[in-house]
Amino acid sequence: VESGGGLVQAGGSLRLSCAVSGSIFSINAMAWY
């Protein structure tokens, strides 16, 4: 589940989040697109 998007002025910053559930592993290889 991604979150953190929105409307931002050029030059600003955002931090997007991706919450992971249902995995048997504590750490997974992840990517953003």
PDB file of all heavy atoms in Angstrom:
ATOM      1  N   VAL A   1       0.849  -1.182   0.000  1.00  0.00           N
ATOM      2  CA  VAL A   1       0.000   0.000   0.000  1.00  0.00           C
ATOM      3  C   VAL A   1       0.885   1.232   0.000  1.00  0.00           C
ATOM      4  O   VAL A   1       1.592   1.499   0.979  1.00  0.00           O
ATOM      5  CB  VAL A   1      -0.949   0.027   1.210  1.00  0.00           C
ATOM      6  CG1 VAL A   1      -1.797   1.294   1.176  1.00  0.00           C
ATOM      7  CG2 VAL A   1      -1.840  -1.206   1.214  1.00  0.00           C
ATOM      8  N   GLU A   2       0.835   1.998  -1.102  1.00  0.00           N
ATOM      9  CA  GLU A   2       1.600   3.236  -1.206  1.00  0.00           C
ATOM     10  C   GLU A   2       0.809   4.402  -0.630  1.00  0.00           C
ATOM     11  O   GLU A   2      -0.420   4.418  -0.686  1.00  0.00           O
ATOM     12  CB  GLU A   2       1.955   3.546  -2.667  1.00  0.00           C
ATOM     13  CG  GLU A   2       2.811   2.500  -3.354  1.00  0.00           C
ATOM     14  CD  GLU A   2       2.000   1.565  -4.218  1.00  0.00           C
ATOM     15  OE1 GLU A   2       0.812   1.319  -3.896  1.00  0.00           O
ATOM     16  OE2 GLU A   2       2.541   1.078  -5.231  1.00  0.00           O
ATOM     17  N   SER A   3       1.530   5.382  -0.125  1.00  0.00           N
ATOM     18  CA  SER A   3       0.926   6.610   0.361  1.00  0.00           C
ATOM     19  C   SER A   3       1.965   7.720   0.319  1.00  0.00           C
ATOM     20  O   SER A   3       3.143   7.470   0.096  1.00  0.00           O
ATOM     21  CB  SER A   3       0.384   6.438   1.783  1.00  0.00           C
ATOM     22  OG  SER A   3       1.420   6.117   2.692  1.00  0.00           O
ATOM     23  N   GLY A   4       1.522   8.944   0.539  1.00  0.00           N
ATOM     24  CA  GLY A   4       2.422  10.081   0.612  1.00  0.00           C
ATOM     25  C   GLY A   4       2.444  10.972  -0.605  1.00  0.00           C
ATOM     26  O   GLY A   4       3.120  12.007  -0.596  1.00  0.00           O
ATOM     27  N   GLY A   5       1.724  10.599  -1.650  1.00  0.00           N
ATOM     28  CA  GLY A   5       1.672  11.435  -2.831  1.00  0.00           C
ATOM     29  C   GLY A   5       0.802  12.655  -2.613  1.00  0.00           C
ATOM     30  O   GLY A   5       0.127  12.794  -1.597  1.00  0.00           O
ATOM     31  N   GLY A   6       0.818  13.554  -3.588  1.00  0.00           N
ATOM     32  CA  GLY A   6       0.025  14.763  -3.503  1.00  0.00           C
ATOM     33  C   GLY A   6       0.496  15.800  -4.484  1.00  0.00           C
ATOM     34  O   GLY A   6       1.269  15.514  -5.398  1.00  0.00           O
ATOM     35  N   LEU A   7       0.008  17.027  -4.295  1.00  0.00           N
ATOM     36  CA  LEU A   7       0.367  18.163  -5.130  1.00  0.00           C
ATOM     37  C   LEU A   7       1.507  18.924  -4.478  1.00  0.00           C
ATOM     38  O   LEU A   7       1.391  19.359  -3.324  1.00  0.00           O
ATOM     39  CB  LEU A   7      -0.837  19.078  -5.334  1.00  0.00           C
ATOM     40  CG  LEU A   7      -0.604  20.356  -6.139  1.00  0.00           C
ATOM     41  CD1 LEU A   7      -0.168  20.030  -7.553  1.00  0.00           C
ATOM     42  CD2 LEU A   7      -1.871  21.199  -6.139  1.00  0.00           C
ATOM     43  N   VAL A   8       2.600  19.084  -5.205  1.00  0.00           N
ATOM     44  CA  VAL A   8       3.802  19.717  -4.675  1.00  0.00           C
ATOM     45  C   VAL A   8       4.325  20.735  -5.681  1.00  0.00           C
ATOM     46  O   VAL A   8       4.271  20.506  -6.890  1.00  0.00           O
ATOM     47  CB  VAL A   8       4.906  18.684  -4.376  1.00  0.00           C
ATOM     48  CG1 VAL A   8       6.106  19.350  -3.721  1.00  0.00           C
ATOM     49  CG2 VAL A   8       4.363  17.579  -3.487  1.00  0.00           C
ATOM     50  N   GLN A   9       4.834  21.834  -5.176  1.00  0.00           N
ATOM     51  CA  GLN A   9       5.445  22.846  -6.023  1.00  0.00           C
ATOM     52  C   GLN A   9       6.823  22.382  -6.491  1.00  0.00           C
ATOM     53  O   GLN A   9       7.539  21.694  -5.768  1.00  0.00           O
ATOM     54  CB  GLN A   9       5.565  24.166  -5.264  1.00  0.00           C
ATOM     55  CG  GLN A   9       6.061  25.328  -6.100  1.00  0.00           C
ATOM     56  CD  GLN A   9       6.080  26.627  -5.315  1.00  0.00           C
ATOM     57  OE1 GLN A   9       5.455  26.739  -4.257  1.00  0.00           O
ATOM     58  NE2 GLN A   9       6.795  27.607  -5.828  1.00  0.00           N
ATOM     59  N   ALA A  10       7.187  22.745  -7.709  1.00  0.00           N
ATOM     60  CA  ALA A  10       8.521  22.424  -8.210  1.00  0.00           C
ATOM     61  C   ALA A  10       9.581  22.918  -7.241  1.00  0.00           C
ATOM     62  O   ALA A  10       9.494  24.034  -6.719  1.00  0.00           O
ATOM     63  CB  ALA A  10       8.725  23.028  -9.590  1.00  0.00           C
ATOM     64  N   GLY A  11      10.585  22.085  -7.022  1.00  0.00           N
ATOM     65  CA  GLY A  11      11.631  22.396  -6.069  1.00  0.00           C
ATOM     66  C   GLY A  11      11.382  21.837  -4.684  1.00  0.00           C
ATOM     67  O   GLY A  11      12.302  21.817  -3.857  1.00  0.00           O
ATOM     68  N   GLY A  12      10.173  21.375  -4.436  1.00  0.00           N
ATOM     69  CA  GLY A  12       9.829  20.807  -3.152  1.00  0.00           C
ATOM     70  C   GLY A  12      10.237  19.355  -3.037  1.00  0.00           C
ATOM     71  O   GLY A  12      10.896  18.798  -3.914  1.00  0.00           O
ATOM     72  N   SER A  13       9.809  18.727  -1.943  1.00  0.00           N
ATOM     73  CA  SER A  13      10.186  17.353  -1.646  1.00  0.00           C
ATOM     74  C   SER A  13       8.982  16.539  -1.205  1.00  0.00           C
ATOM     75  O   SER A  13       7.998  17.083  -0.693  1.00  0.00           O
ATOM     76  CB  SER A  13      11.247  17.313  -0.540  1.00  0.00           C
ATOM     77  OG  SER A  13      12.419  18.004  -0.901  1.00  0.00           O
ATOM     78  N   LEU A  14       9.078  15.245  -1.397  1.00  0.00           N
ATOM     79  CA  LEU A  14       8.082  14.299  -0.926  1.00  0.00           C
ATOM     80  C   LEU A  14       8.771  13.061  -0.389  1.00  0.00           C
ATOM     81  O   LEU A  14       9.857  12.695  -0.854  1.00  0.00           O
ATOM     82  CB  LEU A  14       7.138  13.865  -2.045  1.00  0.00           C
ATOM     83  CG  LEU A  14       5.975  14.767  -2.433  1.00  0.00           C
ATOM     84  CD1 LEU A  14       5.243  14.155  -3.625  1.00  0.00           C
ATOM     85  CD2 LEU A  14       5.024  14.955  -1.271  1.00  0.00           C
ATOM     86  N   ARG A  15       8.137  12.425   0.583  1.00  0.00           N
ATOM     87  CA  ARG A  15       8.544  11.106   1.019  1.00  0.00           C
ATOM     88  C   ARG A  15       7.372  10.159   0.836  1.00  0.00           C
ATOM     89  O   ARG A  15       6.351  10.274   1.516  1.00  0.00           O
ATOM     90  CB  ARG A  15       9.014  11.084   2.477  1.00  0.00           C
ATOM     91  CG  ARG A  15       9.630   9.732   2.855  1.00  0.00           C
ATOM     92  CD  ARG A  15      10.109   9.671   4.285  1.00  0.00           C
ATOM     93  NE  ARG A  15       9.002   9.637   5.233  1.00  0.00           N
ATOM     94  CZ  ARG A  15       9.129   9.276   6.501  1.00  0.00           C
ATOM     95  NH1 ARG A  15      10.324   8.922   6.988  1.00  0.00           N
ATOM     96  NH2 ARG A  15       8.073   9.293   7.298  1.00  0.00           N
ATOM     97  N   LEU A  16       7.524   9.237  -0.095  1.00  0.00           N
ATOM     98  CA  LEU A  16       6.507   8.240  -0.360  1.00  0.00           C
ATOM     99  C   LEU A  16       6.741   7.019   0.518  1.00  0.00           C
ATOM    100  O   LEU A  16       7.883   6.664   0.793  1.00  0.00           O
ATOM    101  CB  LEU A  16       6.528   7.828  -1.833  1.00  0.00           C
ATOM    102  CG  LEU A  16       6.460   8.961  -2.854  1.00  0.00           C
ATOM    103  CD1 LEU A  16       6.504   8.396  -4.270  1.00  0.00           C
ATOM    104  CD2 LEU A  16       5.211   9.797  -2.643  1.00  0.00           C
ATOM    105  N   SER A  17       5.655   6.380   0.928  1.00  0.00           N
ATOM    106  CA  SER A  17       5.733   5.206   1.783  1.00  0.00           C
ATOM    107  C   SER A  17       5.098   4.008   1.104  1.00  0.00           C
ATOM    108  O   SER A  17       4.137   4.150   0.345  1.00  0.00           O
ATOM    109  CB  SER A  17       5.024   5.456   3.119  1.00  0.00           C
ATOM    110  OG  SER A  17       5.611   6.528   3.825  1.00  0.00           O
ATOM    111  N   CYS A  18       5.626   2.845   1.390  1.00  0.00           N
ATOM    112  CA  CYS A  18       5.073   1.589   0.884  1.00  0.00           C
ATOM    113  C   CYS A  18       5.040   0.600   2.038  1.00  0.00           C
ATOM    114  O   CYS A  18       6.089   0.112   2.471  1.00  0.00           O
ATOM    115  CB  CYS A  18       5.914   1.056  -0.271  1.00  0.00           C
ATOM    116  SG  CYS A  18       5.373  -0.547  -0.909  1.00  0.00           S
ATOM    117  N   ALA A  19       3.847   0.328   2.536  1.00  0.00           N
ATOM    118  CA  ALA A  19       3.668  -0.606   3.640  1.00  0.00           C
ATOM    119  C   ALA A  19       3.483  -2.013   3.097  1.00  0.00           C
ATOM    120  O   ALA A  19       2.657  -2.237   2.210  1.00  0.00           O
ATOM    121  CB  ALA A  19       2.468  -0.203   4.487  1.00  0.00           C
ATOM    122  N   VAL A  20       4.236  -2.949   3.633  1.00  0.00           N
ATOM    123  CA  VAL A  20       4.236  -4.332   3.166  1.00  0.00           C
ATOM    124  C   VAL A  20       3.567  -5.216   4.202  1.00  0.00           C
ATOM    125  O   VAL A  20       3.862  -5.132   5.389  1.00  0.00           O
ATOM    126  CB  VAL A  20       5.666  -4.835   2.912  1.00  0.00           C
ATOM    127  CG1 VAL A  20       5.648  -6.262   2.383  1.00  0.00           C
ATOM    128  CG2 VAL A  20       6.396  -3.915   1.951  1.00  0.00           C
ATOM    129  N   SER A  21       2.683  -6.086   3.747  1.00  0.00           N
ATOM    130  CA  SER A  21       2.036  -7.053   4.624  1.00  0.00           C
ATOM    131  C   SER A  21       1.932  -8.391   3.914  1.00  0.00           C
ATOM    132  O   SER A  21       1.960  -8.462   2.686  1.00  0.00           O
ATOM    133  CB  SER A  21       0.652  -6.579   5.067  1.00  0.00           C
ATOM    134  OG  SER A  21      -0.224  -6.449   3.958  1.00  0.00           O
ATOM    135  N   GLY A  22       1.818  -9.453   4.686  1.00  0.00           N
ATOM    136  CA  GLY A  22       1.606 -10.771   4.129  1.00  0.00           C
ATOM    137  C   GLY A  22       2.857 -11.518   3.728  1.00  0.00           C
ATOM    138  O   GLY A  22       2.753 -12.631   3.192  1.00  0.00           O
ATOM    139  N   SER A  23       4.017 -10.953   3.969  1.00  0.00           N
ATOM    140  CA  SER A  23       5.264 -11.605   3.608  1.00  0.00           C
ATOM    141  C   SER A  23       5.788 -12.423   4.779  1.00  0.00           C
ATOM    142  O   SER A  23       5.721 -11.991   5.925  1.00  0.00           O
ATOM    143  CB  SER A  23       6.313 -10.589   3.176  1.00  0.00           C
ATOM    144  OG  SER A  23       7.556 -11.219   2.916  1.00  0.00           O
ATOM    145  N   ILE A  24       6.327 -13.581   4.474  1.00  0.00           N
ATOM    146  CA  ILE A  24       6.928 -14.400   5.520  1.00  0.00           C
ATOM    147  C   ILE A  24       8.338 -13.937   5.842  1.00  0.00           C
ATOM    148  O   ILE A  24       8.930 -14.401   6.818  1.00  0.00           O
ATOM    149  CB  ILE A  24       6.935 -15.888   5.139  1.00  0.00           C
ATOM    150  CG1 ILE A  24       7.797 -16.128   3.899  1.00  0.00           C
ATOM    151  CG2 ILE A  24       5.523 -16.392   4.915  1.00  0.00           C
ATOM    152  CD1 ILE A  24       8.011 -17.586   3.572  1.00  0.00           C
ATOM    153  N   PHE A  25       8.875 -13.038   5.030  1.00  0.00           N
ATOM    154  CA  PHE A  25      10.218 -12.515   5.232  1.00  0.00           C
ATOM    155  C   PHE A  25      10.159 -11.158   5.913  1.00  0.00           C
ATOM    156  O   PHE A  25       9.258 -10.361   5.658  1.00  0.00           O
ATOM    157  CB  PHE A  25      10.953 -12.399   3.895  1.00  0.00           C
ATOM    158  CG  PHE A  25      11.071 -13.686   3.156  1.00  0.00           C
ATOM    159  CD1 PHE A  25      10.275 -13.947   2.061  1.00  0.00           C
ATOM    160  CD2 PHE A  25      11.977 -14.649   3.559  1.00  0.00           C
ATOM    161  CE1 PHE A  25      10.377 -15.137   1.368  1.00  0.00           C
ATOM    162  CE2 PHE A  25      12.090 -15.845   2.885  1.00  0.00           C
ATOM    163  CZ  PHE A  25      11.294 -16.094   1.787  1.00  0.00           C
ATOM    164  N   SER A  26      11.125 -10.900   6.771  1.00  0.00           N
ATOM    165  CA  SER A  26      11.202  -9.607   7.433  1.00  0.00           C
ATOM    166  C   SER A  26      11.713  -8.522   6.501  1.00  0.00           C
ATOM    167  O   SER A  26      11.351  -7.357   6.642  1.00  0.00           O
ATOM    168  CB  SER A  26      12.116  -9.697   8.661  1.00  0.00           C
ATOM    169  OG  SER A  26      11.597 -10.597   9.613  1.00  0.00           O
ATOM    170  N   ILE A  27      12.566  -8.908   5.559  1.00  0.00           N
ATOM    171  CA  ILE A  27      13.159  -7.977   4.621  1.00  0.00           C
ATOM    172  C   ILE A  27      13.007  -8.529   3.211  1.00  0.00           C
ATOM    173  O   ILE A  27      13.383  -9.667   2.942  1.00  0.00           O
ATOM    174  CB  ILE A  27      14.645  -7.730   4.920  1.00  0.00           C
ATOM    175  CG1 ILE A  27      14.829  -7.257   6.365  1.00  0.00           C
ATOM    176  CG2 ILE A  27      15.229  -6.726   3.940  1.00  0.00           C
ATOM    177  CD1 ILE A  27      16.277  -7.132   6.774  1.00  0.00           C
ATOM    178  N   ASN A  28      12.459  -7.719   2.318  1.00  0.00           N
ATOM    179  CA  ASN A  28      12.342  -8.075   0.916  1.00  0.00           C
ATOM    180  C   ASN A  28      13.084  -7.058   0.064  1.00  0.00           C
ATOM    181  O   ASN A  28      13.188  -5.885   0.437  1.00  0.00           O
ATOM    182  CB  ASN A  28      10.882  -8.114   0.472  1.00  0.00           C
ATOM    183  CG  ASN A  28      10.096  -9.220   1.135  1.00  0.00           C
ATOM    184  OD1 ASN A  28      10.644 -10.255   1.506  1.00  0.00           O
ATOM    185  ND2 ASN A  28       8.798  -9.014   1.277  1.00  0.00           N
ATOM    186  N   ALA A  29      13.583  -7.513  -1.068  1.00  0.00           N
ATOM    187  CA  ALA A  29      14.094  -6.579  -2.060  1.00  0.00           C
ATOM    188  C   ALA A  29      12.913  -5.814  -2.648  1.00  0.00           C
ATOM    189  O   ALA A  29      11.904  -6.412  -3.025  1.00  0.00           O
ATOM    190  CB  ALA A  29      14.855  -7.320  -3.147  1.00  0.00           C
ATOM    191  N   MET A  30      13.034  -4.490  -2.722  1.00  0.00           N
ATOM    192  CA  MET A  30      11.934  -3.637  -3.142  1.00  0.00           C
ATOM    193  C   MET A  30      12.402  -2.646  -4.195  1.00  0.00           C
ATOM    194  O   MET A  30      13.590  -2.331  -4.284  1.00  0.00           O
ATOM    195  CB  MET A  30      11.359  -2.865  -1.955  1.00  0.00           C
ATOM    196  CG  MET A  30      10.832  -3.733  -0.830  1.00  0.00           C
ATOM    197  SD  MET A  30       9.262  -4.527  -1.262  1.00  0.00           S
ATOM    198  CE  MET A  30       8.204  -3.087  -1.434  1.00  0.00           C
ATOM    199  N   ALA A  31      11.453  -2.131  -4.956  1.00  0.00           N
ATOM    200  CA  ALA A  31      11.755  -1.131  -5.965  1.00  0.00           C
ATOM    201  C   ALA A  31      10.610  -0.144  -6.091  1.00  0.00           C
ATOM    202  O   ALA A  31       9.461  -0.454  -5.752  1.00  0.00           O
ATOM    203  CB  ALA A  31      12.044  -1.776  -7.319  1.00  0.00           C
ATOM    204  N   TRP A  32      10.920   1.044  -6.570  1.00  0.00           N
ATOM    205  CA  TRP A  32       9.935   2.073  -6.891  1.00  0.00           C
ATOM    206  C   TRP A  32       9.951   2.340  -8.387  1.00  0.00           C
ATOM    207  O   TRP A  32      11.018   2.404  -9.009  1.00  0.00           O
ATOM    208  CB  TRP A  32      10.220   3.378  -6.153  1.00  0.00           C
ATOM    209  CG  TRP A  32       9.843   3.370  -4.711  1.00  0.00           C
ATOM    210  CD1 TRP A  32      10.634   3.062  -3.652  1.00  0.00           C
ATOM    211  CD2 TRP A  32       8.556   3.706  -4.169  1.00  0.00           C
ATOM    212  NE1 TRP A  32       9.932   3.181  -2.478  1.00  0.00           N
ATOM    213  CE2 TRP A  32       8.654   3.578  -2.768  1.00  0.00           C
ATOM    214  CE3 TRP A  32       7.338   4.105  -4.736  1.00  0.00           C
ATOM    215  CZ2 TRP A  32       7.567   3.828  -1.927  1.00  0.00           C
ATOM    216  CZ3 TRP A  32       6.271   4.350  -3.896  1.00  0.00           C
ATOM    217  CH2 TRP A  32       6.394   4.209  -2.510  1.00  0.00           C
ATOM    218  N   TYR A  33       8.760   2.517  -8.955  1.00  0.00           N
ATOM    219  CA  TYR A  33       8.563   2.850 -10.355  1.00  0.00           C
ATOM    220  C   TYR A  33       7.580   4.002 -10.446  1.00  0.00           C
ATOM    221  O   TYR A  33       6.856   4.299  -9.496  1.00  0.00           O
ATOM    222  CB  TYR A  33       7.999   1.668 -11.146  1.00  0.00           C
ATOM    223  CG  TYR A  33       8.910   0.475 -11.300  1.00  0.00           C
ATOM    224  CD1 TYR A  33       9.178  -0.372 -10.230  1.00  0.00           C
ATOM    225  CD2 TYR A  33       9.484   0.173 -12.535  1.00  0.00           C
ATOM    226  CE1 TYR A  33      10.002  -1.478 -10.379  1.00  0.00           C
ATOM    227  CE2 TYR A  33      10.300  -0.929 -12.694  1.00  0.00           C
ATOM    228  CZ  TYR A  33      10.554  -1.751 -11.612  1.00  0.00           C
ATOM    229  OH  TYR A  33      11.366  -2.843 -11.772  1.00  0.00           O
TER     230      TYR A  33
END
